[in-house]
Amino acid sequence: MSRTEFIIATAIVLFIAFCLGWFFNWLVHRFSRVAQNDMTELDKMAQQLHEAEEERDHVVSEYHKKELDISNKLNQTQAELEAAMEGLRTARQEAEDLRDYIERLNMGE
């Protein structure tokens, strides 16, 4: 193979490689291209997702506030119940003491 034939063969191989590269590049861009309509839809979906996340965060915050409020009310109610039960025990004890006192007075008569 002479020098001229080698140069021509190399040029043909390089030209074929260039053409194949250009074709595959065009093919990839053709299939991966996103239409403007699709981009508008994607932007709208991203905005809706962002709004939904903000709303979720707000709802979670409100939930935690209400949970804390209910927990505080429960603790307060339990404290009031304990105080009422202690008062009831004291009243029962006093009533029992008074009954005993009255029975002793009645027996003494």
C-alpha atoms as a PDB file:
ATOM      1  CA  MET A   1       0.000   0.000   0.000  1.00  0.00           C
ATOM      2  CA  SER A   2       1.462   3.258  -1.074  1.00  0.00           C
ATOM      3  CA  ARG A   3       1.505   6.450   0.874  1.00  0.00           C
ATOM      4  CA  THR A   4      -1.246   8.032  -1.234  1.00  0.00           C
ATOM      5  CA  GLU A   5      -3.530   5.010  -0.836  1.00  0.00           C
ATOM      6  CA  PHE A   6      -2.918   5.034   2.915  1.00  0.00           C
ATOM      7  CA  ILE A   7      -3.847   8.735   3.149  1.00  0.00           C
ATOM      8  CA  ILE A   8      -6.995   8.202   1.070  1.00  0.00           C
ATOM      9  CA  ALA A   9      -8.048   5.168   3.153  1.00  0.00           C
ATOM     10  CA  THR A  10      -7.436   7.091   6.369  1.00  0.00           C
ATOM     11  CA  ALA A  11      -9.426  10.068   5.038  1.00  0.00           C
ATOM     12  CA  ILE A  12     -12.340   7.781   4.104  1.00  0.00           C
ATOM     13  CA  VAL A  13     -12.314   6.095   7.552  1.00  0.00           C
ATOM     14  CA  LEU A  14     -12.205   9.489   9.287  1.00  0.00           C
ATOM     15  CA  PHE A  15     -15.019  10.832   7.093  1.00  0.00           C
ATOM     16  CA  ILE A  16     -17.173   7.759   7.851  1.00  0.00           C
ATOM     17  CA  ALA A  17     -16.436   8.158  11.585  1.00  0.00           C
ATOM     18  CA  PHE A  18     -17.379  11.844  11.351  1.00  0.00           C
ATOM     19  CA  CYS A  19     -20.635  11.028   9.542  1.00  0.00           C
ATOM     20  CA  LEU A  20     -21.548   8.310  12.064  1.00  0.00           C
ATOM     21  CA  GLY A  21     -20.760  10.643  14.979  1.00  0.00           C
ATOM     22  CA  TRP A  22     -22.864  13.424  13.477  1.00  0.00           C
ATOM     23  CA  PHE A  23     -25.741  11.007  12.797  1.00  0.00           C
ATOM     24  CA  PHE A  24     -25.747   9.582  16.324  1.00  0.00           C
ATOM     25  CA  ASN A  25     -25.518  13.074  17.796  1.00  0.00           C
ATOM     26  CA  TRP A  26     -28.529  14.150  15.729  1.00  0.00           C
ATOM     27  CA  LEU A  27     -30.366  10.958  16.731  1.00  0.00           C
ATOM     28  CA  VAL A  28     -29.720  11.462  20.469  1.00  0.00           C
ATOM     29  CA  HIS A  29     -30.822  15.105  20.342  1.00  0.00           C
ATOM     30  CA  ARG A  30     -33.890  14.177  18.350  1.00  0.00           C
ATOM     31  CA  PHE A  31     -35.104  11.662  20.940  1.00  0.00           C
ATOM     32  CA  SER A  32     -33.985  13.505  24.049  1.00  0.00           C
ATOM     33  CA  ARG A  33     -35.284  16.925  23.031  1.00  0.00           C
ATOM     34  CA  VAL A  34     -37.988  18.233  25.351  1.00  0.00           C
ATOM     35  CA  ALA A  35     -40.752  20.212  23.720  1.00  0.00           C
ATOM     36  CA  GLN A  36     -41.548  23.708  24.983  1.00  0.00           C
ATOM     37  CA  ASN A  37     -45.040  22.511  25.868  1.00  0.00           C
ATOM     38  CA  ASP A  38     -43.528  19.772  28.032  1.00  0.00           C
ATOM     39  CA  MET A  39     -41.237  22.287  29.752  1.00  0.00           C
ATOM     40  CA  THR A  40     -44.220  24.506  30.545  1.00  0.00           C
ATOM     41  CA  GLU A  41     -46.025  21.519  32.003  1.00  0.00           C
ATOM     42  CA  LEU A  42     -42.944  20.534  34.029  1.00  0.00           C
ATOM     43  CA  ASP A  43     -42.638  24.078  35.384  1.00  0.00           C
ATOM     44  CA  LYS A  44     -46.307  24.054  36.371  1.00  0.00           C
ATOM     45  CA  MET A  45     -45.937  20.679  38.095  1.00  0.00           C
ATOM     46  CA  ALA A  46     -42.844  21.906  39.958  1.00  0.00           C
ATOM     47  CA  GLN A  47     -44.763  24.967  41.168  1.00  0.00           C
ATOM     48  CA  GLN A  48     -47.695  22.812  42.309  1.00  0.00           C
ATOM     49  CA  LEU A  49     -45.304  20.483  44.124  1.00  0.00           C
ATOM     50  CA  HIS A  50     -43.675  23.439  45.866  1.00  0.00           C
ATOM     51  CA  GLU A  51     -47.081  24.792  46.943  1.00  0.00           C
ATOM     52  CA  ALA A  52     -48.139  21.352  48.188  1.00  0.00           C
ATOM     53  CA  GLU A  53     -44.940  21.036  50.246  1.00  0.00           C
ATOM     54  CA  GLU A  54     -45.514  24.474  51.793  1.00  0.00           C
ATOM     55  CA  GLU A  55     -49.110  23.546  52.629  1.00  0.00           C
ATOM     56  CA  ARG A  56     -47.953  20.248  54.135  1.00  0.00           C
ATOM     57  CA  ASP A  57     -45.392  22.062  56.283  1.00  0.00           C
ATOM     58  CA  HIS A  58     -48.091  24.471  57.454  1.00  0.00           C
ATOM     59  CA  VAL A  59     -50.454  21.615  58.314  1.00  0.00           C
ATOM     60  CA  VAL A  60     -47.719  19.758  60.208  1.00  0.00           C
ATOM     61  CA  SER A  61     -46.942  22.929  62.156  1.00  0.00           C
ATOM     62  CA  GLU A  62     -50.621  23.388  63.041  1.00  0.00           C
ATOM     63  CA  TYR A  63     -50.828  19.721  64.045  1.00  0.00           C
ATOM     64  CA  HIS A  64     -47.888  20.096  66.423  1.00  0.00           C
ATOM     65  CA  LYS A  65     -49.429  23.231  67.955  1.00  0.00           C
ATOM     66  CA  LYS A  66     -52.758  21.479  68.525  1.00  0.00           C
ATOM     67  CA  GLU A  67     -51.025  18.394  69.897  1.00  0.00           C
ATOM     68  CA  LEU A  68     -49.101  20.557  72.385  1.00  0.00           C
ATOM     69  CA  ASP A  69     -52.302  22.384  73.386  1.00  0.00           C
ATOM     70  CA  ILE A  70     -54.188  19.124  73.924  1.00  0.00           C
ATOM     71  CA  SER A  71     -51.266  17.700  75.891  1.00  0.00           C
ATOM     72  CA  ASN A  72     -51.257  20.767  78.139  1.00  0.00           C
ATOM     73  CA  LYS A  73     -55.028  20.513  78.649  1.00  0.00           C
ATOM     74  CA  LEU A  74     -54.694  16.818  79.481  1.00  0.00           C
ATOM     75  CA  ASN A  75     -51.994  17.504  82.061  1.00  0.00           C
ATOM     76  CA  GLN A  76     -54.106  20.276  83.593  1.00  0.00           C
ATOM     77  CA  THR A  77     -57.175  18.035  83.692  1.00  0.00           C
ATOM     78  CA  GLN A  78     -55.191  15.239  85.318  1.00  0.00           C
ATOM     79  CA  ALA A  79     -53.894  17.654  87.966  1.00  0.00           C
ATOM     80  CA  GLU A  80     -57.448  18.869  88.629  1.00  0.00           C
ATOM     81  CA  LEU A  81     -58.661  15.266  88.857  1.00  0.00           C
ATOM     82  CA  GLU A  82     -55.957  14.394  91.360  1.00  0.00           C
ATOM     83  CA  ALA A  83     -56.844  17.456  93.438  1.00  0.00           C
ATOM     84  CA  ALA A  84     -60.547  16.570  93.321  1.00  0.00           C
ATOM     85  CA  MET A  85     -59.817  12.962  94.293  1.00  0.00           C
ATOM     86  CA  GLU A  86     -57.700  14.143  97.232  1.00  0.00           C
ATOM     87  CA  GLY A  87     -60.498  16.496  98.283  1.00  0.00           C
ATOM     88  CA  LEU A  88     -62.989  13.630  98.034  1.00  0.00           C
ATOM     89  CA  ARG A  89     -60.761  11.392 100.173  1.00  0.00           C
ATOM     90  CA  THR A  90     -60.507  14.144 102.762  1.00  0.00           C
ATOM     91  CA  ALA A  91     -64.280  14.694 102.712  1.00  0.00           C
ATOM     92  CA  ARG A  92     -64.941  10.961 103.084  1.00  0.00           C
ATOM     93  CA  GLN A  93     -62.515  10.761 105.987  1.00  0.00           C
ATOM     94  CA  GLU A  94     -64.182  13.743 107.649  1.00  0.00           C
ATOM     95  CA  ALA A  95     -67.621  12.205 107.067  1.00  0.00           C
ATOM     96  CA  GLU A  96     -66.429   8.929 108.585  1.00  0.00           C
ATOM     97  CA  ASP A  97     -64.977  10.787 111.571  1.00  0.00           C
ATOM     98  CA  LEU A  98     -68.252  12.657 112.021  1.00  0.00           C
ATOM     99  CA  ARG A  99     -70.250   9.394 111.862  1.00  0.00           C
ATOM    100  CA  ASP A 100     -67.980   7.868 114.480  1.00  0.00           C
ATOM    101  CA  TYR A 101     -68.374  10.958 116.648  1.00  0.00           C
ATOM    102  CA  ILE A 102     -72.163  10.913 116.274  1.00  0.00           C
ATOM    103  CA  GLU A 103     -72.305   7.197 117.075  1.00  0.00           C
ATOM    104  CA  ARG A 104     -70.206   7.756 120.191  1.00  0.00           C
ATOM    105  CA  LEU A 105     -72.499  10.588 121.236  1.00  0.00           C
ATOM    106  CA  ASN A 106     -75.604   8.488 120.611  1.00  0.00           C
ATOM    107  CA  MET A 107     -74.169   5.563 122.554  1.00  0.00           C
ATOM    108  CA  GLY A 108     -73.307   7.793 125.446  1.00  0.00           C
ATOM    109  CA  GLU A 109     -76.875   9.018 125.853  1.00  0.00           C
END
